[in-house]
Amino acid sequence: MSTSGFETTVSTVDYHTAGEPFRIVTDGLPEIPGETVPERREYAMSDAEIDHYRRLLVQEPRGHADMYGGFLVPPDDPDADLGVLFWHKDGYSTACGHGTIALGVWAVEHRVVLADPDGETDVVIDVPSGRVRATVTCREGAVVGATFVNVPSWVVARKLPVETPFGTVEADVSYGGAIYASVPASAFGLEVTPEHYGQLIAAGRAVKWALNDSPAAQHPDDPRLSGIYGTILYDDLGRTPDGPHQRNVTVFADGEVDRSPCGSGTSARLPLLVEDGLLGEDETLTHDSIVGTRFTARVRESVDVAGRSAVVPEVTGRASMTGEHRFVLRHDDEVGTGFTLR
């Protein structure tokens, strides 16, 4: 859609999941070529015109350094309801659990998928890492929660020594739709609290870039999924009657901070906890964020993926709409698509 006097106009519906924003582009985006969602992601990553829209929506003054969102695209086949390309300030991610939850709630609330007003409705979504599902629960026609079923997740490596400017720490690496490094915040003398926010970002960035080109960061089947997407810094809070209780902050991309407990990061934590004997069958991980919001997660089933022992994660949270927007870029806007300040 274009309007006289404007270079670009684009419409979005914005949600947050457990405090983390998700900007859904509903109108104004050109068609993104490709036969599959991964192919469309590759095109978007290399095409200046498509990336113009990402930068417009994620950068200031229309966004901010921790904004997150997605482009709606066709699914890979008719068995899915929709496809999505996830994006952030530094590019395009392979997976996003909080975004999947937000998309499921958006699809039900905006009648993209017709829902049971007093029950559960599945919204099937193709993302770059595979096919995922948001099961949205309604009561008396209102959404009360959603559960994200992810692609299989597995342990990649344990106790890798990582040299950082803050000392040498040990990291566990696992896959949850993206590859994550997990390190206790205490290894840096920190806790996952807002008071340590800047130091947590610095620690997370240091671990990510130290490991990003290592063998542990290489996806065994699809090089498009390689690289350390983020660092999960966590506090062990003991146990609830249902299972382990942890708090985390996920520092992803290049210093971006997930305000939620991170859906794909939570997925990546599950196989590590299972391997450590901390998460048993029918137990639930209570996973808190740096802002005090919460996901719960459990292992839906154990599976074999090309000879690797894996689990299928199920992550439950809530998403709420925050606004509807029509963004414009005038021809004479002195900052163009904007800028990023940290």
Foldseek 3Di string as FASTA:
>chain_A
DDDPQFPFKWKWWWKFFLRQIETETDDGADAQDDLAQLRSQVSCQPDPRNVLVVLLCPFPPNHAQQHKYWYWHAHNDPVALTEIWIAHNQGTAQDFQRNQFQVVQVCPVVVSDPDDQAAWDWHWYATNLGIKIKIFGHHNNHTDWIKIWFDWKAWQDWQDWFQFPQGIFGWTWMFLSAIETEGALVSSPDALAPVCLVVVLRVWQRRQVRPFPPPSQADPPDRVRGGHFWYWHKDFPQADPQFTEMETWIQGDNSHIGQFLIRSVVQRVVNVCVVVVRADPRGKYWYAYNVGGTKIKHFPAWDADPNGTTTTMMIMTDMDTDDMDIDTHGPPPPQNSHHHDD
